[in-house]
Amino acid sequence: MRKILPILKNKYLLTIISLLIWVIFFDKNDLSTQVKLGQQIKQLENEKQYYSNEISVITADTKELTTNPKTLEKFAREKYLMKRNNEDIFVIVEDKNSKNKK
């Protein structure tokens, strides 16, 4: 007990301890807020990487569509079901319920 009393009377130590408690728990930028913001930053960086990859893929596809007529024709046939005058198109749609029954 006698060893603890001089430590508690030390005003610098008490000030540092109270300041640490204030910063960790009660401040506007407390520890839990910093952890949440760190997680949000990681999530946003992952989204940024995903969208950067998507942009590069779309840019490559756009370049291919504008430079290669065969690719443009293939895209129009698959995406918009376009056809030539002498062709017939058959679209096969798989029933979702038949997948679950197998």
PDB file of N, CA and C in Angstrom:
ATOM      1  N   MET A   1       0.825  -1.195   0.000  1.00  0.00           N
ATOM      2  CA  MET A   1       0.000   0.000   0.000  1.00  0.00           C
ATOM      3  C   MET A   1       0.872   1.264   0.000  1.00  0.00           C
ATOM      4  N   ARG A   2       1.975   1.201   0.751  1.00  0.00           N
ATOM      5  CA  ARG A   2       2.850   2.360   0.832  1.00  0.00           C
ATOM      6  C   ARG A   2       3.564   2.599  -0.497  1.00  0.00           C
ATOM      7  N   LYS A   3       3.776   1.531  -1.276  1.00  0.00           N
ATOM      8  CA  LYS A   3       4.430   1.684  -2.571  1.00  0.00           C
ATOM      9  C   LYS A   3       3.467   2.262  -3.607  1.00  0.00           C
ATOM     10  N   ILE A   4       2.191   2.017  -3.442  1.00  0.00           N
ATOM     11  CA  ILE A   4       1.192   2.485  -4.402  1.00  0.00           C
ATOM     12  C   ILE A   4       0.891   3.967  -4.203  1.00  0.00           C
ATOM     13  N   LEU A   5       0.886   4.439  -2.968  1.00  0.00           N
ATOM     14  CA  LEU A   5       0.547   5.832  -2.688  1.00  0.00           C
ATOM     15  C   LEU A   5       1.471   6.831  -3.377  1.00  0.00           C
ATOM     16  N   PRO A   6       2.781   6.661  -3.375  1.00  0.00           N
ATOM     17  CA  PRO A   6       3.629   7.635  -4.079  1.00  0.00           C
ATOM     18  C   PRO A   6       3.377   7.621  -5.594  1.00  0.00           C
ATOM     19  N   ILE A   7       3.041   6.463  -6.121  1.00  0.00           N
ATOM     20  CA  ILE A   7       2.757   6.396  -7.557  1.00  0.00           C
ATOM     21  C   ILE A   7       1.479   7.157  -7.865  1.00  0.00           C
ATOM     22  N   LEU A   8       0.457   7.021  -7.017  1.00  0.00           N
ATOM     23  CA  LEU A   8      -0.808   7.721  -7.239  1.00  0.00           C
ATOM     24  C   LEU A   8      -0.682   9.225  -6.997  1.00  0.00           C
ATOM     25  N   LYS A   9       0.290   9.647  -6.236  1.00  0.00           N
ATOM     26  CA  LYS A   9       0.493  11.063  -5.999  1.00  0.00           C
ATOM     27  C   LYS A   9       1.273  11.734  -7.126  1.00  0.00           C
ATOM     28  N   ASN A  10       1.852  10.942  -7.990  1.00  0.00           N
ATOM     29  CA  ASN A  10       2.612  11.485  -9.098  1.00  0.00           C
ATOM     30  C   ASN A  10       1.633  12.093 -10.110  1.00  0.00           C
ATOM     31  N   LYS A  11       1.617  13.410 -10.209  1.00  0.00           N
ATOM     32  CA  LYS A  11       0.636  14.100 -11.060  1.00  0.00           C
ATOM     33  C   LYS A  11       0.890  13.865 -12.546  1.00  0.00           C
ATOM     34  N   TYR A  12       2.128  13.632 -12.932  1.00  0.00           N
ATOM     35  CA  TYR A  12       2.422  13.381 -14.347  1.00  0.00           C
ATOM     36  C   TYR A  12       1.884  12.028 -14.798  1.00  0.00           C
ATOM     37  N   LEU A  13       2.069  11.037 -13.957  1.00  0.00           N
ATOM     38  CA  LEU A  13       1.558   9.704 -14.269  1.00  0.00           C
ATOM     39  C   LEU A  13       0.038   9.703 -14.315  1.00  0.00           C
ATOM     40  N   LEU A  14      -0.595  10.365 -13.377  1.00  0.00           N
ATOM     41  CA  LEU A  14      -2.056  10.455 -13.364  1.00  0.00           C
ATOM     42  C   LEU A  14      -2.568  11.195 -14.602  1.00  0.00           C
ATOM     43  N   THR A  15      -1.878  12.232 -14.996  1.00  0.00           N
ATOM     44  CA  THR A  15      -2.277  12.983 -16.186  1.00  0.00           C
ATOM     45  C   THR A  15      -2.159  12.123 -17.440  1.00  0.00           C
ATOM     46  N   ILE A  16      -1.074  11.393 -17.560  1.00  0.00           N
ATOM     47  CA  ILE A  16      -0.872  10.521 -18.722  1.00  0.00           C
ATOM     48  C   ILE A  16      -1.929   9.423 -18.751  1.00  0.00           C
ATOM     49  N   ILE A  17      -2.188   8.810 -17.610  1.00  0.00           N
ATOM     50  CA  ILE A  17      -3.191   7.738 -17.544  1.00  0.00           C
ATOM     51  C   ILE A  17      -4.572   8.272 -17.886  1.00  0.00           C
ATOM     52  N   SER A  18      -4.937   9.414 -17.332  1.00  0.00           N
ATOM     53  CA  SER A  18      -6.266   9.973 -17.631  1.00  0.00           C
ATOM     54  C   SER A  18      -6.365  10.396 -19.100  1.00  0.00           C
ATOM     55  N   LEU A  19      -5.302  10.917 -19.657  1.00  0.00           N
ATOM     56  CA  LEU A  19      -5.295  11.287 -21.069  1.00  0.00           C
ATOM     57  C   LEU A  19      -5.450  10.048 -21.951  1.00  0.00           C
ATOM     58  N   LEU A  20      -4.746   8.973 -21.635  1.00  0.00           N
ATOM     59  CA  LEU A  20      -4.874   7.726 -22.393  1.00  0.00           C
ATOM     60  C   LEU A  20      -6.297   7.170 -22.318  1.00  0.00           C
ATOM     61  N   ILE A  21      -6.872   7.184 -21.123  1.00  0.00           N
ATOM     62  CA  ILE A  21      -8.250   6.698 -20.975  1.00  0.00           C
ATOM     63  C   ILE A  21      -9.195   7.560 -21.805  1.00  0.00           C
ATOM     64  N   TRP A  22      -8.998   8.861 -21.766  1.00  0.00           N
ATOM     65  CA  TRP A  22      -9.859   9.757 -22.538  1.00  0.00           C
ATOM     66  C   TRP A  22      -9.740   9.487 -24.043  1.00  0.00           C
ATOM     67  N   VAL A  23      -8.519   9.347 -24.527  1.00  0.00           N
ATOM     68  CA  VAL A  23      -8.287   9.139 -25.957  1.00  0.00           C
ATOM     69  C   VAL A  23      -8.809   7.779 -26.405  1.00  0.00           C
ATOM     70  N   ILE A  24      -8.637   6.764 -25.598  1.00  0.00           N
ATOM     71  CA  ILE A  24      -9.039   5.416 -25.997  1.00  0.00           C
ATOM     72  C   ILE A  24     -10.561   5.246 -25.961  1.00  0.00           C
ATOM     73  N   PHE A  25     -11.249   5.825 -24.992  1.00  0.00           N
ATOM     74  CA  PHE A  25     -12.662   5.520 -24.807  1.00  0.00           C
ATOM     75  C   PHE A  25     -13.627   6.664 -25.101  1.00  0.00           C
ATOM     76  N   PHE A  26     -13.280   7.904 -24.796  1.00  0.00           N
ATOM     77  CA  PHE A  26     -14.263   8.981 -24.819  1.00  0.00           C
ATOM     78  C   PHE A  26     -14.092   9.993 -25.943  1.00  0.00           C
ATOM     79  N   ASP A  27     -12.995  10.022 -26.583  1.00  0.00           N
ATOM     80  CA  ASP A  27     -12.725  11.009 -27.621  1.00  0.00           C
ATOM     81  C   ASP A  27     -13.556  10.739 -28.876  1.00  0.00           C
ATOM     82  N   LYS A  28     -13.701  11.746 -29.710  1.00  0.00           N
ATOM     83  CA  LYS A  28     -14.435  11.595 -30.968  1.00  0.00           C
ATOM     84  C   LYS A  28     -13.772  10.561 -31.865  1.00  0.00           C
ATOM     85  N   ASN A  29     -12.481  10.475 -31.838  1.00  0.00           N
ATOM     86  CA  ASN A  29     -11.717   9.520 -32.638  1.00  0.00           C
ATOM     87  C   ASN A  29     -11.170   8.411 -31.744  1.00  0.00           C
ATOM     88  N   ASP A  30     -12.053   7.786 -30.982  1.00  0.00           N
ATOM     89  CA  ASP A  30     -11.613   6.746 -30.059  1.00  0.00           C
ATOM     90  C   ASP A  30     -11.162   5.489 -30.790  1.00  0.00           C
ATOM     91  N   LEU A  31     -10.718   4.520 -30.038  1.00  0.00           N
ATOM     92  CA  LEU A  31     -10.130   3.309 -30.597  1.00  0.00           C
ATOM     93  C   LEU A  31     -11.117   2.521 -31.454  1.00  0.00           C
ATOM     94  N   SER A  32     -12.343   2.367 -30.996  1.00  0.00           N
ATOM     95  CA  SER A  32     -13.329   1.598 -31.776  1.00  0.00           C
ATOM     96  C   SER A  32     -13.652   2.293 -33.096  1.00  0.00           C
ATOM     97  N   THR A  33     -13.712   3.606 -33.096  1.00  0.00           N
ATOM     98  CA  THR A  33     -13.955   4.344 -34.332  1.00  0.00           C
ATOM     99  C   THR A  33     -12.801   4.142 -35.313  1.00  0.00           C
ATOM    100  N   GLN A  34     -11.592   4.154 -34.820  1.00  0.00           N
ATOM    101  CA  GLN A  34     -10.421   3.955 -35.676  1.00  0.00           C
ATOM    102  C   GLN A  34     -10.403   2.556 -36.282  1.00  0.00           C
ATOM    103  N   VAL A  35     -10.818   1.546 -35.501  1.00  0.00           N
ATOM    104  CA  VAL A  35     -10.868   0.184 -36.015  1.00  0.00           C
ATOM    105  C   VAL A  35     -11.924   0.073 -37.113  1.00  0.00           C
ATOM    106  N   LYS A  36     -13.096   0.670 -36.892  1.00  0.00           N
ATOM    107  CA  LYS A  36     -14.169   0.646 -37.897  1.00  0.00           C
ATOM    108  C   LYS A  36     -13.728   1.352 -39.170  1.00  0.00           C
ATOM    109  N   LEU A  37     -13.067   2.489 -39.027  1.00  0.00           N
ATOM    110  CA  LEU A  37     -12.594   3.219 -40.202  1.00  0.00           C
ATOM    111  C   LEU A  37     -11.521   2.443 -40.953  1.00  0.00           C
ATOM    112  N   GLY A  38     -10.682   1.735 -40.226  1.00  0.00           N
ATOM    113  CA  GLY A  38      -9.667   0.900 -40.874  1.00  0.00           C
ATOM    114  C   GLY A  38     -10.296  -0.218 -41.683  1.00  0.00           C
ATOM    115  N   GLN A  39     -11.337  -0.843 -41.133  1.00  0.00           N
ATOM    116  CA  GLN A  39     -12.050  -1.893 -41.861  1.00  0.00           C
ATOM    117  C   GLN A  39     -12.735  -1.327 -43.098  1.00  0.00           C
ATOM    118  N   GLN A  40     -13.310  -0.139 -42.964  1.00  0.00           N
ATOM    119  CA  GLN A  40     -13.975   0.498 -44.099  1.00  0.00           C
ATOM    120  C   GLN A  40     -12.965   0.840 -45.199  1.00  0.00           C
ATOM    121  N   ILE A  41     -11.780   1.277 -44.812  1.00  0.00           N
ATOM    122  CA  ILE A  41     -10.733   1.582 -45.791  1.00  0.00           C
ATOM    123  C   ILE A  41     -10.336   0.323 -46.546  1.00  0.00           C
ATOM    124  N   LYS A  42     -10.178  -0.800 -45.843  1.00  0.00           N
ATOM    125  CA  LYS A  42      -9.829  -2.061 -46.508  1.00  0.00           C
ATOM    126  C   LYS A  42     -10.923  -2.479 -47.484  1.00  0.00           C
ATOM    127  N   GLN A  43     -12.179  -2.332 -47.064  1.00  0.00           N
ATOM    128  CA  GLN A  43     -13.291  -2.695 -47.943  1.00  0.00           C
ATOM    129  C   GLN A  43     -13.303  -1.809 -49.190  1.00  0.00           C
ATOM    130  N   LEU A  44     -13.100  -0.520 -49.015  1.00  0.00           N
ATOM    131  CA  LEU A  44     -13.098   0.398 -50.153  1.00  0.00           C
ATOM    132  C   LEU A  44     -11.909   0.140 -51.082  1.00  0.00           C
ATOM    133  N   GLU A  45     -10.764  -0.234 -50.526  1.00  0.00           N
ATOM    134  CA  GLU A  45      -9.616  -0.569 -51.372  1.00  0.00           C
ATOM    135  C   GLU A  45      -9.889  -1.827 -52.192  1.00  0.00           C
ATOM    136  N   ASN A  46     -10.559  -2.806 -51.571  1.00  0.00           N
ATOM    137  CA  ASN A  46     -10.930  -4.016 -52.315  1.00  0.00           C
ATOM    138  C   ASN A  46     -11.907  -3.690 -53.437  1.00  0.00           C
ATOM    139  N   GLU A  47     -12.892  -2.829 -53.150  1.00  0.00           N
ATOM    140  CA  GLU A  47     -13.839  -2.409 -54.183  1.00  0.00           C
ATOM    141  C   GLU A  47     -13.129  -1.650 -55.303  1.00  0.00           C
ATOM    142  N   LYS A  48     -12.173  -0.809 -54.938  1.00  0.00           N
ATOM    143  CA  LYS A  48     -11.417  -0.052 -55.934  1.00  0.00           C
ATOM    144  C   LYS A  48     -10.653  -0.996 -56.848  1.00  0.00           C
ATOM    145  N   GLN A  49     -10.030  -2.015 -56.267  1.00  0.00           N
ATOM    146  CA  GLN A  49      -9.294  -2.998 -57.063  1.00  0.00           C
ATOM    147  C   GLN A  49     -10.242  -3.763 -57.985  1.00  0.00           C
ATOM    148  N   TYR A  50     -11.394  -4.151 -57.473  1.00  0.00           N
ATOM    149  CA  TYR A  50     -12.383  -4.878 -58.278  1.00  0.00           C
ATOM    150  C   TYR A  50     -12.837  -4.029 -59.459  1.00  0.00           C
ATOM    151  N   TYR A  51     -13.193  -2.783 -59.193  1.00  0.00           N
ATOM    152  CA  TYR A  51     -13.676  -1.915 -60.268  1.00  0.00           C
ATOM    153  C   TYR A  51     -12.563  -1.554 -61.256  1.00  0.00           C
ATOM    154  N   SER A  52     -11.337  -1.446 -60.782  1.00  0.00           N
ATOM    155  CA  SER A  52     -10.221  -1.206 -61.704  1.00  0.00           C
ATOM    156  C   SER A  52     -10.051  -2.386 -62.647  1.00  0.00           C
ATOM    157  N   ASN A  53     -10.171  -3.595 -62.109  1.00  0.00           N
ATOM    158  CA  ASN A  53     -10.091  -4.785 -62.961  1.00  0.00           C
ATOM    159  C   ASN A  53     -11.248  -4.831 -63.957  1.00  0.00           C
ATOM    160  N   GLU A  54     -12.444  -4.506 -63.499  1.00  0.00           N
ATOM    161  CA  GLU A  54     -13.605  -4.501 -64.391  1.00  0.00           C
ATOM    162  C   GLU A  54     -13.438  -3.458 -65.505  1.00  0.00           C
ATOM    163  N   ILE A  55     -12.909  -2.297 -65.164  1.00  0.00           N
ATOM    164  CA  ILE A  55     -12.697  -1.251 -66.166  1.00  0.00           C
ATOM    165  C   ILE A  55     -11.696  -1.717 -67.213  1.00  0.00           C
ATOM    166  N   SER A  56     -10.634  -2.380 -66.770  1.00  0.00           N
ATOM    167  CA  SER A  56      -9.642  -2.850 -67.748  1.00  0.00           C
ATOM    168  C   SER A  56     -10.231  -3.927 -68.654  1.00  0.00           C
ATOM    169  N   VAL A  57     -11.061  -4.819 -68.109  1.00  0.00           N
ATOM    170  CA  VAL A  57     -11.702  -5.850 -68.932  1.00  0.00           C
ATOM    171  C   VAL A  57     -12.659  -5.222 -69.935  1.00  0.00           C
ATOM    172  N   ILE A  58     -13.452  -4.277 -69.480  1.00  0.00           N
ATOM    173  CA  ILE A  58     -14.426  -3.622 -70.359  1.00  0.00           C
ATOM    174  C   ILE A  58     -13.714  -2.801 -71.434  1.00  0.00           C
ATOM    175  N   THR A  59     -12.629  -2.154 -71.063  1.00  0.00           N
ATOM    176  CA  THR A  59     -11.862  -1.386 -72.046  1.00  0.00           C
ATOM    177  C   THR A  59     -11.292  -2.299 -73.122  1.00  0.00           C
ATOM    178  N   ALA A  60     -10.779  -3.455 -72.701  1.00  0.00           N
ATOM    179  CA  ALA A  60     -10.241  -4.408 -73.684  1.00  0.00           C
ATOM    180  C   ALA A  60     -11.354  -4.938 -74.584  1.00  0.00           C
ATOM    181  N   ASP A  61     -12.520  -5.229 -74.006  1.00  0.00           N
ATOM    182  CA  ASP A  61     -13.655  -5.701 -74.808  1.00  0.00           C
ATOM    183  C   ASP A  61     -14.127  -4.630 -75.795  1.00  0.00           C
ATOM    184  N   THR A  62     -14.172  -3.400 -75.342  1.00  0.00           N
ATOM    185  CA  THR A  62     -14.594  -2.301 -76.213  1.00  0.00           C
ATOM    186  C   THR A  62     -13.615  -2.121 -77.362  1.00  0.00           C
ATOM    187  N   LYS A  63     -12.340  -2.192 -77.061  1.00  0.00           N
ATOM    188  CA  LYS A  63     -11.325  -2.066 -78.114  1.00  0.00           C
ATOM    189  C   LYS A  63     -11.467  -3.203 -79.123  1.00  0.00           C
ATOM    190  N   GLU A  64     -11.706  -4.419 -78.633  1.00  0.00           N
ATOM    191  CA  GLU A  64     -11.872  -5.568 -79.511  1.00  0.00           C
ATOM    192  C   GLU A  64     -13.132  -5.427 -80.363  1.00  0.00           C
ATOM    193  N   LEU A  65     -14.204  -4.921 -79.777  1.00  0.00           N
ATOM    194  CA  LEU A  65     -15.448  -4.745 -80.536  1.00  0.00           C
ATOM    195  C   LEU A  65     -15.318  -3.676 -81.617  1.00  0.00           C
ATOM    196  N   THR A  66     -14.569  -2.636 -81.351  1.00  0.00           N
ATOM    197  CA  THR A  66     -14.444  -1.557 -82.331  1.00  0.00           C
ATOM    198  C   THR A  66     -13.452  -1.878 -83.440  1.00  0.00           C
ATOM    199  N   THR A  67     -12.531  -2.815 -83.192  1.00  0.00           N
ATOM    200  CA  THR A  67     -11.510  -3.096 -84.205  1.00  0.00           C
ATOM    201  C   THR A  67     -11.772  -4.366 -84.998  1.00  0.00           C
ATOM    202  N   ASN A  68     -12.517  -5.310 -84.446  1.00  0.00           N
ATOM    203  CA  ASN A  68     -12.698  -6.601 -85.103  1.00  0.00           C
ATOM    204  C   ASN A  68     -14.179  -6.803 -85.464  1.00  0.00           C
ATOM    205  N   PRO A  69     -14.536  -6.819 -86.750  1.00  0.00           N
ATOM    206  CA  PRO A  69     -15.940  -6.982 -87.144  1.00  0.00           C
ATOM    207  C   PRO A  69     -16.519  -8.346 -86.768  1.00  0.00           C
ATOM    208  N   LYS A  70     -15.699  -9.392 -86.758  1.00  0.00           N
ATOM    209  CA  LYS A  70     -16.199 -10.717 -86.385  1.00  0.00           C
ATOM    210  C   LYS A  70     -16.601 -10.754 -84.913  1.00  0.00           C
ATOM    211  N   THR A  71     -15.832 -10.094 -84.083  1.00  0.00           N
ATOM    212  CA  THR A  71     -16.170 -10.026 -82.662  1.00  0.00           C
ATOM    213  C   THR A  71     -17.447  -9.219 -82.461  1.00  0.00           C
ATOM    214  N   LEU A  72     -17.603  -8.160 -83.209  1.00  0.00           N
ATOM    215  CA  LEU A  72     -18.815  -7.346 -83.129  1.00  0.00           C
ATOM    216  C   LEU A  72     -20.033  -8.165 -83.535  1.00  0.00           C
ATOM    217  N   GLU A  73     -19.899  -8.943 -84.598  1.00  0.00           N
ATOM    218  CA  GLU A  73     -21.011  -9.785 -85.045  1.00  0.00           C
ATOM    219  C   GLU A  73     -21.352 -10.839 -83.991  1.00  0.00           C
ATOM    220  N   LYS A  74     -20.328 -11.455 -83.413  1.00  0.00           N
ATOM    221  CA  LYS A  74     -20.545 -12.461 -82.373  1.00  0.00           C
ATOM    222  C   LYS A  74     -21.246 -11.849 -81.168  1.00  0.00           C
ATOM    223  N   PHE A  75     -20.820 -10.661 -80.760  1.00  0.00           N
ATOM    224  CA  PHE A  75     -21.436  -9.969 -79.626  1.00  0.00           C
ATOM    225  C   PHE A  75     -22.896  -9.658 -79.913  1.00  0.00           C
ATOM    226  N   ALA A  76     -23.182  -9.159 -81.117  1.00  0.00           N
ATOM    227  CA  ALA A  76     -24.564  -8.813 -81.478  1.00  0.00           C
ATOM    228  C   ALA A  76     -25.440 -10.059 -81.509  1.00  0.00           C
ATOM    229  N   ARG A  77     -24.912 -11.158 -81.989  1.00  0.00           N
ATOM    230  CA  ARG A  77     -25.692 -12.402 -82.057  1.00  0.00           C
ATOM    231  C   ARG A  77     -25.980 -12.944 -80.658  1.00  0.00           C
ATOM    232  N   GLU A  78     -24.978 -12.930 -79.786  1.00  0.00           N
ATOM    233  CA  GLU A  78     -25.160 -13.513 -78.458  1.00  0.00           C
ATOM    234  C   GLU A  78     -25.945 -12.602 -77.523  1.00  0.00           C
ATOM    235  N   LYS A  79     -25.642 -11.344 -77.536  1.00  0.00           N
ATOM    236  CA  LYS A  79     -26.249 -10.423 -76.575  1.00  0.00           C
ATOM    237  C   LYS A  79     -27.645  -9.976 -77.001  1.00  0.00           C
ATOM    238  N   TYR A  80     -27.818  -9.629 -78.255  1.00  0.00           N
ATOM    239  CA  TYR A  80     -29.074  -9.043 -78.711  1.00  0.00           C
ATOM    240  C   TYR A  80     -29.878  -9.980 -79.613  1.00  0.00           C
ATOM    241  N   LEU A  81     -29.422 -11.224 -79.765  1.00  0.00           N
ATOM    242  CA  LEU A  81     -30.104 -12.247 -80.561  1.00  0.00           C
ATOM    243  C   LEU A  81     -30.376 -11.778 -81.986  1.00  0.00           C
ATOM    244  N   MET A  82     -29.439 -11.067 -82.560  1.00  0.00           N
ATOM    245  CA  MET A  82     -29.570 -10.615 -83.942  1.00  0.00           C
ATOM    246  C   MET A  82     -29.224 -11.766 -84.886  1.00  0.00           C
ATOM    247  N   LYS A  83     -29.759 -11.699 -86.097  1.00  0.00           N
ATOM    248  CA  LYS A  83     -29.537 -12.776 -87.057  1.00  0.00           C
ATOM    249  C   LYS A  83     -29.480 -12.202 -88.460  1.00  0.00           C
ATOM    250  N   ARG A  84     -28.993 -13.035 -89.353  1.00  0.00           N
ATOM    251  CA  ARG A  84     -29.005 -12.661 -90.759  1.00  0.00           C
ATOM    252  C   ARG A  84     -30.382 -12.992 -91.329  1.00  0.00           C
ATOM    253  N   ASN A  85     -30.661 -12.509 -92.540  1.00  0.00           N
ATOM    254  CA  ASN A  85     -31.979 -12.695 -93.129  1.00  0.00           C
ATOM    255  C   ASN A  85     -32.337 -14.161 -93.366  1.00  0.00           C
ATOM    256  N   ASN A  86     -31.390 -14.995 -93.702  1.00  0.00           N
ATOM    257  CA  ASN A  86     -31.683 -16.378 -94.044  1.00  0.00           C
ATOM    258  C   ASN A  86     -31.461 -17.342 -92.876  1.00  0.00           C
ATOM    259  N   GLU A  87     -31.416 -16.850 -91.646  1.00  0.00           N
ATOM    260  CA  GLU A  87     -31.150 -17.693 -90.491  1.00  0.00           C
ATOM    261  C   GLU A  87     -32.353 -17.749 -89.560  1.00  0.00           C
ATOM    262  N   ASP A  88     -32.438 -18.833 -88.806  1.00  0.00           N
ATOM    263  CA  ASP A  88     -33.417 -18.973 -87.732  1.00  0.00           C
ATOM    264  C   ASP A  88     -32.649 -19.113 -86.426  1.00  0.00           C
ATOM    265  N   ILE A  89     -33.188 -18.540 -85.373  1.00  0.00           N
ATOM    266  CA  ILE A  89     -32.539 -18.606 -84.074  1.00  0.00           C
ATOM    267  C   ILE A  89     -33.399 -19.438 -83.137  1.00  0.00           C
ATOM    268  N   PHE A  90     -32.765 -20.356 -82.443  1.00  0.00           N
ATOM    269  CA  PHE A  90     -33.433 -21.167 -81.435  1.00  0.00           C
ATOM    270  C   PHE A  90     -32.774 -20.866 -80.096  1.00  0.00           C
ATOM    271  N   VAL A  91     -33.544 -20.358 -79.162  1.00  0.00           N
ATOM    272  CA  VAL A  91     -33.041 -20.035 -77.835  1.00  0.00           C
ATOM    273  C   VAL A  91     -33.496 -21.142 -76.892  1.00  0.00           C
ATOM    274  N   ILE A  92     -32.551 -21.782 -76.241  1.00  0.00           N
ATOM    275  CA  ILE A  92     -32.858 -22.859 -75.307  1.00  0.00           C
ATOM    276  C   ILE A  92     -32.729 -22.298 -73.900  1.00  0.00           C
ATOM    277  N   VAL A  93     -33.838 -22.317 -73.172  1.00  0.00           N
ATOM    278  CA  VAL A  93     -33.861 -21.826 -71.803  1.00  0.00           C
ATOM    279  C   VAL A  93     -34.015 -23.027 -70.887  1.00  0.00           C
ATOM    280  N   GLU A  94     -33.095 -23.174 -69.958  1.00  0.00           N
ATOM    281  CA  GLU A  94     -33.138 -24.302 -69.041  1.00  0.00           C
ATOM    282  C   GLU A  94     -34.026 -23.943 -67.860  1.00  0.00           C
ATOM    283  N   ASP A  95     -34.919 -24.848 -67.504  1.00  0.00           N
ATOM    284  CA  ASP A  95     -35.849 -24.625 -66.408  1.00  0.00           C
ATOM    285  C   ASP A  95     -35.098 -24.742 -65.082  1.00  0.00           C
ATOM    286  N   LYS A  96     -35.295 -23.790 -64.203  1.00  0.00           N
ATOM    287  CA  LYS A  96     -34.601 -23.791 -62.919  1.00  0.00           C
ATOM    288  C   LYS A  96     -35.081 -24.928 -62.026  1.00  0.00           C
ATOM    289  N   ASN A  97     -36.349 -25.298 -62.135  1.00  0.00           N
ATOM    290  CA  ASN A  97     -36.884 -26.364 -61.295  1.00  0.00           C
ATOM    291  C   ASN A  97     -36.323 -27.720 -61.680  1.00  0.00           C
ATOM    292  N   SER A  98     -35.993 -27.918 -62.945  1.00  0.00           N
ATOM    293  CA  SER A  98     -35.459 -29.206 -63.367  1.00  0.00           C
ATOM    294  C   SER A  98     -34.049 -29.436 -62.816  1.00  0.00           C
ATOM    295  N   LYS A  99     -33.305 -28.367 -62.560  1.00  0.00           N
ATOM    296  CA  LYS A  99     -31.967 -28.507 -61.965  1.00  0.00           C
ATOM    297  C   LYS A  99     -32.075 -29.019 -60.528  1.00  0.00           C
ATOM    298  N   ASN A 100     -33.039 -28.495 -59.802  1.00  0.00           N
ATOM    299  CA  ASN A 100     -33.172 -28.859 -58.384  1.00  0.00           C
ATOM    300  C   ASN A 100     -33.674 -30.294 -58.217  1.00  0.00           C
ATOM    301  N   LYS A 101     -34.427 -30.830 -59.160  1.00  0.00           N
ATOM    302  CA  LYS A 101     -34.994 -32.170 -59.032  1.00  0.00           C
ATOM    303  C   LYS A 101     -33.979 -33.253 -59.295  1.00  0.00           C
ATOM    304  N   LYS A 102     -32.920 -32.958 -60.014  1.00  0.00           N
ATOM    305  CA  LYS A 102     -31.929 -33.987 -60.358  1.00  0.00           C
ATOM    306  C   LYS A 102     -31.101 -34.387 -59.206  1.00  0.00           C
TER     307      LYS A 102
END
